[in-house]
N, C-alpha and C. Protein backbone atom coordinates (compact mmCIF):
# COMPACT_ATOMS: atom_id res chain seq x y z
N MET A 1 73.66 26.89 85.03
CA MET A 1 74.38 25.74 84.57
C MET A 1 75.54 25.41 85.50
N SER A 2 76.29 26.43 85.90
CA SER A 2 77.43 26.17 86.76
C SER A 2 76.98 25.64 88.12
N SER A 3 75.82 26.04 88.56
CA SER A 3 75.27 25.54 89.83
C SER A 3 74.98 24.05 89.73
N GLU A 4 74.46 23.62 88.58
CA GLU A 4 74.19 22.19 88.38
C GLU A 4 75.49 21.40 88.32
N VAL A 5 76.48 21.96 87.68
CA VAL A 5 77.79 21.30 87.57
C VAL A 5 78.41 21.17 88.96
N GLU A 6 78.32 22.24 89.74
CA GLU A 6 78.86 22.20 91.10
C GLU A 6 78.12 21.17 91.95
N LYS A 7 76.82 21.11 91.78
CA LYS A 7 76.02 20.14 92.54
C LYS A 7 76.42 18.71 92.14
N LEU A 8 76.57 18.47 90.85
CA LEU A 8 77.00 17.15 90.37
C LEU A 8 78.41 16.82 90.87
N ARG A 9 79.29 17.82 90.84
CA ARG A 9 80.66 17.62 91.31
C ARG A 9 80.66 17.28 92.79
N ASP A 10 79.89 18.02 93.58
CA ASP A 10 79.81 17.75 95.02
C ASP A 10 79.24 16.36 95.30
N ASP A 11 78.22 16.00 94.54
CA ASP A 11 77.61 14.67 94.69
C ASP A 11 78.62 13.58 94.33
N LEU A 12 79.34 13.81 93.24
CA LEU A 12 80.35 12.84 92.80
C LEU A 12 81.48 12.72 93.83
N MET A 13 81.92 13.83 94.38
CA MET A 13 82.97 13.83 95.39
C MET A 13 82.51 13.08 96.65
N ARG A 14 81.26 13.29 97.04
CA ARG A 14 80.71 12.60 98.21
C ARG A 14 80.69 11.10 97.98
N LYS A 15 80.25 10.68 96.80
CA LYS A 15 80.19 9.25 96.48
C LYS A 15 81.59 8.65 96.40
N ILE A 16 82.53 9.39 95.84
CA ILE A 16 83.92 8.90 95.78
C ILE A 16 84.47 8.75 97.20
N SER A 17 84.18 9.70 98.04
CA SER A 17 84.64 9.64 99.43
C SER A 17 84.04 8.43 100.15
N GLU A 18 82.75 8.17 99.93
CA GLU A 18 82.09 7.00 100.52
C GLU A 18 82.75 5.71 100.03
N LEU A 19 83.03 5.65 98.72
CA LEU A 19 83.68 4.46 98.15
C LEU A 19 85.08 4.27 98.73
N GLU A 20 85.83 5.35 98.87
CA GLU A 20 87.16 5.25 99.45
C GLU A 20 87.09 4.74 100.89
N SER A 21 86.10 5.21 101.62
CA SER A 21 85.91 4.76 103.00
C SER A 21 85.59 3.27 103.05
N ARG A 22 84.70 2.83 102.16
CA ARG A 22 84.34 1.41 102.11
C ARG A 22 85.53 0.54 101.71
N VAL A 23 86.31 1.01 100.75
CA VAL A 23 87.50 0.27 100.33
C VAL A 23 88.49 0.19 101.49
N GLY A 24 88.64 1.27 102.24
CA GLY A 24 89.53 1.27 103.40
C GLY A 24 89.11 0.25 104.44
N LYS A 25 87.80 0.15 104.69
CA LYS A 25 87.30 -0.83 105.65
C LYS A 25 87.54 -2.26 105.16
N VAL A 26 87.35 -2.50 103.88
CA VAL A 26 87.60 -3.83 103.32
C VAL A 26 89.08 -4.18 103.45
N GLU A 27 89.95 -3.22 103.17
CA GLU A 27 91.39 -3.46 103.31
C GLU A 27 91.75 -3.81 104.74
N GLU A 28 91.17 -3.10 105.72
CA GLU A 28 91.42 -3.40 107.13
C GLU A 28 90.98 -4.82 107.47
N GLU A 29 89.80 -5.20 107.00
CA GLU A 29 89.29 -6.54 107.27
C GLU A 29 90.17 -7.60 106.62
N LEU A 30 90.67 -7.32 105.43
CA LEU A 30 91.56 -8.28 104.76
C LEU A 30 92.89 -8.40 105.49
N ASN A 31 93.36 -7.32 106.10
CA ASN A 31 94.60 -7.37 106.86
C ASN A 31 94.46 -8.22 108.13
N ILE A 32 93.26 -8.31 108.66
CA ILE A 32 93.01 -9.10 109.87
C ILE A 32 92.95 -10.59 109.55
N LEU A 33 92.58 -10.93 108.33
CA LEU A 33 92.39 -12.33 107.94
C LEU A 33 93.59 -13.23 108.26
N PRO A 34 94.83 -12.85 107.93
CA PRO A 34 95.96 -13.73 108.28
C PRO A 34 96.08 -13.95 109.79
N ASN A 35 95.74 -12.92 110.57
CA ASN A 35 95.79 -13.07 112.03
C ASN A 35 94.73 -14.05 112.52
N ILE A 36 93.56 -14.01 111.90
CA ILE A 36 92.50 -14.95 112.27
C ILE A 36 92.92 -16.37 111.92
N ILE A 37 93.53 -16.53 110.76
CA ILE A 37 93.99 -17.85 110.34
C ILE A 37 95.07 -18.36 111.30
N GLU A 38 96.01 -17.51 111.66
CA GLU A 38 97.06 -17.93 112.59
C GLU A 38 96.48 -18.27 113.96
N ALA A 39 95.55 -17.45 114.44
CA ALA A 39 94.93 -17.73 115.74
C ALA A 39 94.18 -19.05 115.70
N SER A 40 93.48 -19.31 114.61
CA SER A 40 92.76 -20.59 114.47
C SER A 40 93.73 -21.76 114.49
N TRP A 41 94.84 -21.61 113.80
CA TRP A 41 95.85 -22.66 113.79
C TRP A 41 96.42 -22.88 115.19
N ARG A 42 96.69 -21.79 115.90
CA ARG A 42 97.23 -21.89 117.27
C ARG A 42 96.23 -22.56 118.21
N ILE A 43 94.95 -22.25 118.05
CA ILE A 43 93.93 -22.90 118.88
C ILE A 43 93.90 -24.39 118.60
N ALA A 44 93.96 -24.76 117.33
CA ALA A 44 93.98 -26.19 116.97
C ALA A 44 95.23 -26.87 117.54
N GLN A 45 96.36 -26.19 117.47
CA GLN A 45 97.60 -26.73 118.01
C GLN A 45 97.50 -26.90 119.53
N LEU A 46 96.90 -25.92 120.19
CA LEU A 46 96.73 -25.97 121.64
C LEU A 46 95.83 -27.14 122.04
N GLU A 47 94.75 -27.31 121.32
CA GLU A 47 93.84 -28.43 121.62
C GLU A 47 94.51 -29.77 121.34
N SER A 48 95.32 -29.82 120.31
CA SER A 48 96.07 -31.04 120.02
C SER A 48 97.02 -31.37 121.17
N SER A 49 97.69 -30.37 121.68
CA SER A 49 98.59 -30.58 122.83
C SER A 49 97.82 -31.05 124.05
N ALA A 50 96.67 -30.46 124.28
CA ALA A 50 95.84 -30.86 125.43
C ALA A 50 95.41 -32.32 125.29
N GLN A 51 95.02 -32.71 124.10
CA GLN A 51 94.62 -34.11 123.87
C GLN A 51 95.81 -35.05 124.04
N ARG A 52 96.98 -34.63 123.59
CA ARG A 52 98.19 -35.44 123.74
C ARG A 52 98.52 -35.62 125.23
N ILE A 53 98.39 -34.55 126.00
CA ILE A 53 98.63 -34.62 127.44
C ILE A 53 97.64 -35.57 128.09
N LEU A 54 96.39 -35.48 127.69
CA LEU A 54 95.37 -36.38 128.24
C LEU A 54 95.72 -37.83 127.90
N SER A 55 96.14 -38.07 126.69
CA SER A 55 96.53 -39.42 126.27
C SER A 55 97.75 -39.90 127.06
N HIS A 56 98.73 -39.02 127.24
CA HIS A 56 99.93 -39.38 128.01
C HIS A 56 99.60 -39.69 129.46
N SER A 57 98.62 -39.00 130.01
CA SER A 57 98.28 -39.21 131.42
C SER A 57 97.77 -40.62 131.66
N ARG A 58 97.27 -41.25 130.63
CA ARG A 58 96.71 -42.60 130.75
C ARG A 58 97.67 -43.69 130.29
N SER A 59 98.85 -43.29 129.89
CA SER A 59 99.83 -44.25 129.37
C SER A 59 100.89 -44.57 130.42
N PRO A 60 101.07 -45.84 130.71
CA PRO A 60 102.12 -46.21 131.67
C PRO A 60 103.53 -46.09 131.09
N LEU A 61 103.63 -45.85 129.79
CA LEU A 61 104.93 -45.77 129.13
C LEU A 61 105.55 -44.37 129.18
N ILE A 62 104.77 -43.38 129.55
CA ILE A 62 105.25 -42.00 129.56
C ILE A 62 105.90 -41.70 130.91
N THR A 63 107.11 -41.17 130.85
CA THR A 63 107.83 -40.84 132.08
C THR A 63 107.46 -39.43 132.55
N LEU A 64 107.74 -39.18 133.81
CA LEU A 64 107.43 -37.87 134.39
C LEU A 64 108.14 -36.73 133.64
N PRO A 65 109.42 -36.85 133.29
CA PRO A 65 110.07 -35.75 132.54
C PRO A 65 109.41 -35.48 131.19
N ILE A 66 108.99 -36.52 130.50
CA ILE A 66 108.31 -36.32 129.21
C ILE A 66 106.99 -35.60 129.43
N PHE A 67 106.26 -36.01 130.46
CA PHE A 67 104.98 -35.37 130.75
C PHE A 67 105.19 -33.90 131.10
N GLU A 68 106.21 -33.61 131.89
CA GLU A 68 106.52 -32.22 132.24
C GLU A 68 106.88 -31.41 131.01
N GLN A 69 107.61 -32.00 130.07
CA GLN A 69 107.94 -31.31 128.82
C GLN A 69 106.67 -30.98 128.03
N GLU A 70 105.75 -31.92 128.00
CA GLU A 70 104.48 -31.69 127.29
C GLU A 70 103.70 -30.56 127.95
N LEU A 71 103.68 -30.53 129.28
CA LEU A 71 103.00 -29.44 129.99
C LEU A 71 103.65 -28.10 129.67
N SER A 72 104.97 -28.07 129.70
CA SER A 72 105.70 -26.84 129.40
C SER A 72 105.39 -26.37 127.98
N LYS A 73 105.39 -27.29 127.05
CA LYS A 73 105.08 -26.96 125.65
C LYS A 73 103.65 -26.42 125.53
N TYR A 74 102.72 -27.05 126.23
CA TYR A 74 101.32 -26.60 126.20
C TYR A 74 101.22 -25.15 126.67
N PHE A 75 101.85 -24.84 127.80
CA PHE A 75 101.74 -23.48 128.33
C PHE A 75 102.50 -22.47 127.46
N ASP A 76 103.57 -22.91 126.80
CA ASP A 76 104.24 -22.03 125.82
C ASP A 76 103.30 -21.71 124.66
N GLU A 77 102.62 -22.74 124.16
CA GLU A 77 101.68 -22.54 123.04
C GLU A 77 100.52 -21.63 123.46
N LEU A 78 100.06 -21.81 124.68
CA LEU A 78 98.98 -20.97 125.19
C LEU A 78 99.44 -19.51 125.29
N LYS A 79 100.63 -19.29 125.77
CA LYS A 79 101.16 -17.92 125.87
C LYS A 79 101.29 -17.30 124.48
N GLU A 80 101.74 -18.08 123.50
CA GLU A 80 101.86 -17.57 122.12
C GLU A 80 100.49 -17.16 121.58
N LEU A 81 99.48 -17.97 121.84
CA LEU A 81 98.12 -17.64 121.39
C LEU A 81 97.65 -16.34 122.04
N ILE A 82 97.82 -16.23 123.33
CA ILE A 82 97.40 -15.02 124.05
C ILE A 82 98.14 -13.80 123.49
N THR A 83 99.42 -13.93 123.26
CA THR A 83 100.23 -12.82 122.74
C THR A 83 99.78 -12.40 121.35
N ILE A 84 99.54 -13.38 120.49
CA ILE A 84 99.10 -13.06 119.13
C ILE A 84 97.77 -12.32 119.16
N LEU A 85 96.83 -12.81 119.92
CA LEU A 85 95.51 -12.17 119.98
C LEU A 85 95.61 -10.77 120.59
N ARG A 86 96.44 -10.62 121.61
CA ARG A 86 96.61 -9.30 122.23
C ARG A 86 97.25 -8.33 121.25
N ASP A 87 98.27 -8.79 120.51
CA ASP A 87 98.99 -7.91 119.59
C ASP A 87 98.12 -7.40 118.45
N VAL A 88 97.12 -8.16 118.04
CA VAL A 88 96.25 -7.73 116.95
C VAL A 88 94.90 -7.23 117.47
N SER A 89 94.83 -7.02 118.78
CA SER A 89 93.62 -6.48 119.43
C SER A 89 92.39 -7.33 119.17
N MET A 90 92.58 -8.64 119.14
CA MET A 90 91.44 -9.55 119.01
C MET A 90 91.05 -10.01 120.41
N PRO A 91 89.77 -10.18 120.66
CA PRO A 91 89.35 -10.59 122.00
C PRO A 91 89.77 -12.04 122.30
N MET A 92 90.09 -12.29 123.55
CA MET A 92 90.48 -13.63 123.98
C MET A 92 89.26 -14.33 124.55
N ASN A 93 89.02 -15.54 124.10
CA ASN A 93 87.91 -16.34 124.62
C ASN A 93 88.44 -17.12 125.82
N TRP A 94 88.32 -16.52 127.01
CA TRP A 94 88.89 -17.13 128.22
C TRP A 94 88.17 -18.42 128.60
N SER A 95 86.90 -18.54 128.27
CA SER A 95 86.20 -19.79 128.62
C SER A 95 86.73 -20.95 127.79
N LEU A 96 87.04 -20.71 126.52
CA LEU A 96 87.63 -21.75 125.67
C LEU A 96 88.98 -22.18 126.23
N VAL A 97 89.81 -21.22 126.57
CA VAL A 97 91.13 -21.51 127.13
C VAL A 97 90.98 -22.21 128.47
N GLY A 98 90.03 -21.75 129.27
CA GLY A 98 89.80 -22.37 130.58
C GLY A 98 89.40 -23.83 130.48
N ARG A 99 88.56 -24.15 129.51
CA ARG A 99 88.15 -25.55 129.33
C ARG A 99 89.34 -26.41 128.94
N SER A 100 90.16 -25.91 128.06
CA SER A 100 91.35 -26.64 127.64
C SER A 100 92.32 -26.82 128.81
N ALA A 101 92.58 -25.74 129.52
CA ALA A 101 93.51 -25.80 130.66
C ALA A 101 92.96 -26.69 131.77
N SER A 102 91.66 -26.71 131.96
CA SER A 102 91.06 -27.58 132.97
C SER A 102 91.27 -29.05 132.61
N MET A 103 91.15 -29.36 131.32
CA MET A 103 91.39 -30.73 130.88
C MET A 103 92.85 -31.11 131.15
N VAL A 104 93.76 -30.19 130.90
CA VAL A 104 95.18 -30.44 131.14
C VAL A 104 95.43 -30.61 132.64
N LEU A 105 94.78 -29.81 133.45
CA LEU A 105 94.93 -29.91 134.90
C LEU A 105 94.45 -31.27 135.40
N ARG A 106 93.31 -31.72 134.90
CA ARG A 106 92.79 -33.04 135.29
C ARG A 106 93.73 -34.16 134.83
N ALA A 107 94.26 -34.02 133.62
CA ALA A 107 95.19 -35.03 133.10
C ALA A 107 96.46 -35.08 133.95
N ALA A 108 96.95 -33.91 134.36
CA ALA A 108 98.15 -33.87 135.19
C ALA A 108 97.90 -34.55 136.53
N LYS A 109 96.75 -34.30 137.10
CA LYS A 109 96.39 -34.95 138.38
C LYS A 109 96.33 -36.46 138.18
N GLU A 110 95.72 -36.90 137.09
CA GLU A 110 95.61 -38.33 136.78
C GLU A 110 96.99 -38.95 136.60
N ALA A 111 97.93 -38.19 136.08
CA ALA A 111 99.30 -38.69 135.86
C ALA A 111 100.15 -38.63 137.12
N GLY A 112 99.61 -38.03 138.18
CA GLY A 112 100.35 -37.95 139.43
C GLY A 112 101.25 -36.74 139.56
N ILE A 113 101.02 -35.72 138.75
CA ILE A 113 101.81 -34.49 138.81
C ILE A 113 101.28 -33.63 139.97
N SER A 114 102.20 -33.14 140.79
CA SER A 114 101.78 -32.31 141.92
C SER A 114 101.26 -30.97 141.42
N PHE A 115 100.33 -30.41 142.18
CA PHE A 115 99.80 -29.11 141.78
C PHE A 115 100.88 -28.04 141.86
N GLY A 116 101.78 -28.16 142.81
CA GLY A 116 102.86 -27.18 142.94
C GLY A 116 103.67 -27.06 141.66
N LEU A 117 103.96 -28.18 141.04
CA LEU A 117 104.72 -28.16 139.79
C LEU A 117 103.92 -27.46 138.69
N ILE A 118 102.64 -27.81 138.58
CA ILE A 118 101.79 -27.19 137.54
C ILE A 118 101.63 -25.70 137.80
N ALA A 119 101.35 -25.34 139.05
CA ALA A 119 101.13 -23.94 139.38
C ALA A 119 102.37 -23.10 139.08
N ASN A 120 103.53 -23.59 139.49
CA ASN A 120 104.77 -22.85 139.23
C ASN A 120 105.05 -22.75 137.74
N LEU A 121 104.76 -23.80 137.01
CA LEU A 121 104.95 -23.79 135.56
C LEU A 121 104.02 -22.76 134.90
N MET A 122 102.77 -22.71 135.36
CA MET A 122 101.82 -21.73 134.80
C MET A 122 102.27 -20.30 135.08
N ILE A 123 102.70 -20.06 136.31
CA ILE A 123 103.15 -18.71 136.67
C ILE A 123 104.38 -18.35 135.83
N GLU A 124 105.31 -19.29 135.70
CA GLU A 124 106.53 -19.05 134.92
C GLU A 124 106.21 -18.76 133.45
N LYS A 125 105.33 -19.56 132.86
CA LYS A 125 105.06 -19.46 131.42
C LYS A 125 104.04 -18.38 131.08
N LEU A 126 103.03 -18.21 131.94
CA LEU A 126 101.91 -17.33 131.59
C LEU A 126 101.92 -16.00 132.33
N GLY A 127 102.68 -15.90 133.39
CA GLY A 127 102.71 -14.66 134.15
C GLY A 127 101.33 -14.27 134.67
N ASP A 128 100.96 -13.03 134.45
CA ASP A 128 99.68 -12.51 134.95
C ASP A 128 98.47 -13.20 134.33
N TYR A 129 98.65 -13.82 133.18
CA TYR A 129 97.52 -14.49 132.52
C TYR A 129 97.13 -15.79 133.22
N ALA A 130 97.99 -16.32 134.06
CA ALA A 130 97.71 -17.60 134.72
C ALA A 130 96.39 -17.56 135.48
N ALA A 131 96.11 -16.45 136.13
CA ALA A 131 94.87 -16.33 136.91
C ALA A 131 93.63 -16.40 136.01
N LYS A 132 93.75 -15.91 134.79
CA LYS A 132 92.61 -15.94 133.87
C LYS A 132 92.43 -17.30 133.23
N VAL A 133 93.51 -18.06 133.15
CA VAL A 133 93.48 -19.34 132.45
C VAL A 133 92.81 -20.43 133.29
N ILE A 134 93.14 -20.49 134.56
CA ILE A 134 92.64 -21.57 135.42
C ILE A 134 91.56 -21.04 136.36
N ASP A 135 90.43 -21.70 136.32
CA ASP A 135 89.32 -21.38 137.21
C ASP A 135 89.64 -21.94 138.60
N GLU A 136 89.54 -21.09 139.60
CA GLU A 136 89.83 -21.52 140.97
C GLU A 136 88.95 -22.70 141.39
N ASN A 137 87.72 -22.73 140.92
CA ASN A 137 86.83 -23.84 141.28
C ASN A 137 87.37 -25.17 140.77
N VAL A 138 87.99 -25.14 139.60
CA VAL A 138 88.56 -26.37 139.03
C VAL A 138 89.76 -26.81 139.85
N VAL A 139 90.58 -25.86 140.28
CA VAL A 139 91.73 -26.20 141.13
C VAL A 139 91.24 -26.89 142.39
N GLY A 140 90.24 -26.31 143.04
CA GLY A 140 89.69 -26.90 144.26
C GLY A 140 89.08 -28.26 144.01
N GLU A 141 88.37 -28.40 142.91
CA GLU A 141 87.71 -29.67 142.58
C GLU A 141 88.72 -30.77 142.27
N VAL A 142 89.75 -30.44 141.51
CA VAL A 142 90.71 -31.45 141.05
C VAL A 142 91.77 -31.75 142.11
N TYR A 143 92.34 -30.71 142.71
CA TYR A 143 93.46 -30.91 143.63
C TYR A 143 93.11 -30.72 145.10
N GLY A 144 91.97 -30.13 145.40
CA GLY A 144 91.57 -29.96 146.78
C GLY A 144 91.76 -28.54 147.30
N LEU A 145 91.21 -28.31 148.48
CA LEU A 145 91.20 -26.96 149.06
C LEU A 145 92.59 -26.48 149.45
N ALA A 146 93.44 -27.38 149.93
CA ALA A 146 94.80 -26.96 150.33
C ALA A 146 95.55 -26.40 149.12
N GLU A 147 95.42 -27.07 147.99
CA GLU A 147 96.10 -26.60 146.78
C GLU A 147 95.45 -25.33 146.24
N LEU A 148 94.15 -25.18 146.44
CA LEU A 148 93.47 -23.95 146.04
C LEU A 148 94.02 -22.77 146.84
N GLU A 149 94.23 -22.98 148.13
CA GLU A 149 94.81 -21.92 148.96
C GLU A 149 96.23 -21.58 148.50
N TYR A 150 96.99 -22.61 148.15
CA TYR A 150 98.35 -22.40 147.63
C TYR A 150 98.28 -21.56 146.35
N TRP A 151 97.34 -21.88 145.46
CA TRP A 151 97.16 -21.15 144.20
C TRP A 151 96.83 -19.68 144.47
N LYS A 152 95.94 -19.46 145.41
CA LYS A 152 95.57 -18.09 145.75
C LYS A 152 96.76 -17.31 146.30
N ARG A 153 97.57 -17.97 147.12
CA ARG A 153 98.77 -17.30 147.65
C ARG A 153 99.74 -16.97 146.52
N LEU A 154 99.91 -17.89 145.59
CA LEU A 154 100.79 -17.63 144.45
C LEU A 154 100.33 -16.42 143.64
N LEU A 155 99.02 -16.30 143.51
CA LEU A 155 98.46 -15.19 142.73
C LEU A 155 98.39 -13.90 143.53
N GLY A 156 98.67 -14.00 144.83
CA GLY A 156 98.66 -12.81 145.67
C GLY A 156 97.27 -12.39 146.09
N GLU A 157 96.36 -13.33 146.14
CA GLU A 157 94.98 -12.99 146.54
C GLU A 157 94.81 -13.07 148.04
């Protein structure tokens, strides 16, 4: 009889342990949810800024200082997104960021912003992440080979 009781107790303890493990995993997943929501909001905010920059690039009413402020704000928002994702160990979708940054780069060119200004702003705001954000091919395509060489020198390549 005591052997059966011990067997039942061991079985019950194993099942309780499994349930505790499953509850722990659910709690971890629930703790990540606010981070996912914030990251989603930041991505939407970043895309909104990119669209605003694109719109400004086509407007004759926007002055160069206002456009530069928008660029600075965009790169600040991008840095915040990268930081949030890094801090919660979530993977960064560099292709998504690259597409957005490429659109901003094209808009800046359309608005007459020099690549030197954009490149220095990216290095200032993004630091080491700047190289991951902008595809070198896009720099060459939008601003030309001379500016691509300048970008590579800035990055120390």
